[in-house]
């Protein structure tokens, strides 16, 4: 008989950096480009090193970038759908990309 492991609580507020499997995925994808490895790998490495998450009560934010800073702020009430899709390499590494769909703001009436 298999022993049942107690569930650990997940605290999203403690999540600030991506998992190391993302860097492995970036390296494999870059290697698959062949001679373009160095051209592909450096921007992905910088993205991985600067990627930061912040989860709060109202929503989440994500930022990355060295020369050009990208920031995304998303409130939870604007999330409409969450779609998960993984390719073969992502399944092998155990990474989980997440694509979400936000509700569009209603157009202003005149």
C-alpha atoms as a PDB file:
ATOM      1  CA  UNK A   1       0.000   0.000   0.000  1.00  0.00           C
ATOM      2  CA  UNK A   2       1.294   3.432  -0.906  1.00  0.00           C
ATOM      3  CA  UNK A   3       1.626   6.040   1.817  1.00  0.00           C
ATOM      4  CA  UNK A   4      -0.282   9.265   1.285  1.00  0.00           C
ATOM      5  CA  UNK A   5       1.887  12.364   1.512  1.00  0.00           C
ATOM      6  CA  UNK A   6       0.325  15.344   3.305  1.00  0.00           C
ATOM      7  CA  UNK A   7      -0.256  18.336   1.037  1.00  0.00           C
ATOM      8  CA  UNK A   8       2.021  21.261   1.580  1.00  0.00           C
ATOM      9  CA  UNK A   9       0.454  24.688   1.377  1.00  0.00           C
ATOM     10  CA  UNK A  10       1.586  26.809  -1.541  1.00  0.00           C
ATOM     11  CA  UNK A  11       2.476  30.421  -0.868  1.00  0.00           C
ATOM     12  CA  UNK A  12       2.545  32.326  -4.164  1.00  0.00           C
ATOM     13  CA  UNK A  13       3.954  35.366  -2.376  1.00  0.00           C
ATOM     14  CA  UNK A  14       7.227  33.527  -1.823  1.00  0.00           C
ATOM     15  CA  UNK A  15       7.652  32.883  -5.557  1.00  0.00           C
ATOM     16  CA  UNK A  16       9.937  35.565  -7.009  1.00  0.00           C
ATOM     17  CA  UNK A  17      12.299  33.818  -9.446  1.00  0.00           C
ATOM     18  CA  UNK A  18      11.696  31.261 -12.209  1.00  0.00           C
ATOM     19  CA  UNK A  19      12.572  27.596 -11.803  1.00  0.00           C
ATOM     20  CA  UNK A  20      15.942  26.391 -13.095  1.00  0.00           C
ATOM     21  CA  UNK A  21      14.166  24.185 -15.654  1.00  0.00           C
ATOM     22  CA  UNK A  22      13.406  27.366 -17.625  1.00  0.00           C
ATOM     23  CA  UNK A  23      17.132  28.017 -18.102  1.00  0.00           C
ATOM     24  CA  UNK A  24      17.622  24.412 -19.234  1.00  0.00           C
ATOM     25  CA  UNK A  25      14.768  24.857 -21.709  1.00  0.00           C
ATOM     26  CA  UNK A  26      16.338  28.062 -23.059  1.00  0.00           C
ATOM     27  CA  UNK A  27      19.693  26.256 -23.488  1.00  0.00           C
ATOM     28  CA  UNK A  28      18.117  23.333 -25.356  1.00  0.00           C
ATOM     29  CA  UNK A  29      16.109  25.608 -27.635  1.00  0.00           C
ATOM     30  CA  UNK A  30      19.253  27.623 -28.361  1.00  0.00           C
ATOM     31  CA  UNK A  31      21.242  24.463 -29.135  1.00  0.00           C
ATOM     32  CA  UNK A  32      18.573  23.397 -31.612  1.00  0.00           C
ATOM     33  CA  UNK A  33      19.257  26.547 -33.645  1.00  0.00           C
ATOM     34  CA  UNK A  34      22.668  25.113 -34.528  1.00  0.00           C
ATOM     35  CA  UNK A  35      25.195  27.810 -35.414  1.00  0.00           C
ATOM     36  CA  UNK A  36      22.853  30.472 -34.052  1.00  0.00           C
ATOM     37  CA  UNK A  37      23.355  29.153 -30.513  1.00  0.00           C
ATOM     38  CA  UNK A  38      25.300  32.148 -29.213  1.00  0.00           C
ATOM     39  CA  UNK A  39      22.958  34.617 -30.871  1.00  0.00           C
ATOM     40  CA  UNK A  40      19.896  32.924 -29.339  1.00  0.00           C
ATOM     41  CA  UNK A  41      21.271  31.983 -25.934  1.00  0.00           C
ATOM     42  CA  UNK A  42      22.529  35.355 -24.645  1.00  0.00           C
ATOM     43  CA  UNK A  43      19.191  37.212 -24.819  1.00  0.00           C
ATOM     44  CA  UNK A  44      17.413  34.254 -23.240  1.00  0.00           C
ATOM     45  CA  UNK A  45      20.028  34.040 -20.492  1.00  0.00           C
ATOM     46  CA  UNK A  46      19.589  37.746 -19.714  1.00  0.00           C
ATOM     47  CA  UNK A  47      15.818  37.293 -19.666  1.00  0.00           C
ATOM     48  CA  UNK A  48      16.135  34.376 -17.247  1.00  0.00           C
ATOM     49  CA  UNK A  49      18.542  36.233 -14.955  1.00  0.00           C
ATOM     50  CA  UNK A  50      16.387  39.369 -14.774  1.00  0.00           C
ATOM     51  CA  UNK A  51      12.953  37.683 -14.649  1.00  0.00           C
ATOM     52  CA  UNK A  52      11.140  38.480 -11.412  1.00  0.00           C
ATOM     53  CA  UNK A  53       7.599  37.707 -10.250  1.00  0.00           C
ATOM     54  CA  UNK A  54       5.556  39.408  -7.555  1.00  0.00           C
ATOM     55  CA  UNK A  55       2.199  38.040  -6.362  1.00  0.00           C
ATOM     56  CA  UNK A  56       0.000  40.264  -4.246  1.00  0.00           C
ATOM     57  CA  UNK A  57      -3.594  40.212  -3.002  1.00  0.00           C
ATOM     58  CA  UNK A  58      -4.882  42.257  -5.955  1.00  0.00           C
ATOM     59  CA  UNK A  59      -2.846  40.678  -8.749  1.00  0.00           C
ATOM     60  CA  UNK A  60       0.564  39.753 -10.053  1.00  0.00           C
ATOM     61  CA  UNK A  61       3.411  41.493 -11.826  1.00  0.00           C
ATOM     62  CA  UNK A  62       6.309  40.223 -13.865  1.00  0.00           C
ATOM     63  CA  UNK A  63       9.390  42.119 -15.041  1.00  0.00           C
ATOM     64  CA  UNK A  64      12.479  41.323 -17.086  1.00  0.00           C
ATOM     65  CA  UNK A  65      15.085  43.004 -19.248  1.00  0.00           C
ATOM     66  CA  UNK A  66      18.565  44.501 -19.229  1.00  0.00           C
ATOM     67  CA  UNK A  67      18.586  47.264 -21.822  1.00  0.00           C
ATOM     68  CA  UNK A  68      14.835  47.479 -22.261  1.00  0.00           C
ATOM     69  CA  UNK A  69      12.767  46.831 -19.150  1.00  0.00           C
ATOM     70  CA  UNK A  70       9.479  44.966 -19.673  1.00  0.00           C
ATOM     71  CA  UNK A  71       6.825  44.960 -16.962  1.00  0.00           C
ATOM     72  CA  UNK A  72       3.430  43.292 -16.877  1.00  0.00           C
ATOM     73  CA  UNK A  73       0.855  44.042 -14.196  1.00  0.00           C
ATOM     74  CA  UNK A  74      -2.255  41.894 -14.154  1.00  0.00           C
ATOM     75  CA  UNK A  75      -5.135  42.007 -11.698  1.00  0.00           C
ATOM     76  CA  UNK A  76      -6.764  38.695 -10.863  1.00  0.00           C
ATOM     77  CA  UNK A  77     -10.266  39.948 -11.664  1.00  0.00           C
ATOM     78  CA  UNK A  78      -9.226  40.592 -15.275  1.00  0.00           C
ATOM     79  CA  UNK A  79      -8.168  36.996 -15.909  1.00  0.00           C
ATOM     80  CA  UNK A  80     -10.821  35.253 -17.952  1.00  0.00           C
ATOM     81  CA  UNK A  81      -9.186  32.003 -19.125  1.00  0.00           C
ATOM     82  CA  UNK A  82      -5.970  30.174 -18.353  1.00  0.00           C
ATOM     83  CA  UNK A  83      -4.572  27.981 -21.118  1.00  0.00           C
ATOM     84  CA  UNK A  84      -1.711  25.579 -20.532  1.00  0.00           C
ATOM     85  CA  UNK A  85       0.264  24.168 -23.427  1.00  0.00           C
ATOM     86  CA  UNK A  86       3.602  22.371 -23.334  1.00  0.00           C
ATOM     87  CA  UNK A  87       5.802  20.971 -26.044  1.00  0.00           C
ATOM     88  CA  UNK A  88       7.799  17.751 -25.726  1.00  0.00           C
ATOM     89  CA  UNK A  89      10.898  19.417 -24.242  1.00  0.00           C
ATOM     90  CA  UNK A  90       8.863  21.343 -21.675  1.00  0.00           C
ATOM     91  CA  UNK A  91       7.111  18.149 -20.576  1.00  0.00           C
ATOM     92  CA  UNK A  92      10.476  16.387 -20.256  1.00  0.00           C
ATOM     93  CA  UNK A  93      11.877  19.210 -18.099  1.00  0.00           C
ATOM     94  CA  UNK A  94       8.694  19.532 -16.080  1.00  0.00           C
ATOM     95  CA  UNK A  95       8.240  23.227 -16.820  1.00  0.00           C
ATOM     96  CA  UNK A  96       4.781  24.724 -17.099  1.00  0.00           C
ATOM     97  CA  UNK A  97       4.258  27.792 -19.269  1.00  0.00           C
ATOM     98  CA  UNK A  98       0.963  29.546 -18.764  1.00  0.00           C
ATOM     99  CA  UNK A  99      -0.960  31.570 -21.306  1.00  0.00           C
ATOM    100  CA  UNK A 100      -3.816  33.657 -19.961  1.00  0.00           C
ATOM    101  CA  UNK A 101      -6.556  35.624 -21.638  1.00  0.00           C
ATOM    102  CA  UNK A 102      -7.615  38.929 -20.155  1.00  0.00           C
ATOM    103  CA  UNK A 103     -11.072  40.385 -20.423  1.00  0.00           C
ATOM    104  CA  UNK A 104     -11.178  43.335 -22.742  1.00  0.00           C
ATOM    105  CA  UNK A 105     -12.482  46.607 -21.426  1.00  0.00           C
ATOM    106  CA  UNK A 106     -15.926  47.508 -22.700  1.00  0.00           C
ATOM    107  CA  UNK A 107     -15.916  50.244 -25.363  1.00  0.00           C
ATOM    108  CA  UNK A 108     -17.053  53.666 -24.230  1.00  0.00           C
ATOM    109  CA  UNK A 109     -20.641  54.515 -25.195  1.00  0.00           C
ATOM    110  CA  UNK A 110     -21.487  57.895 -26.652  1.00  0.00           C
END
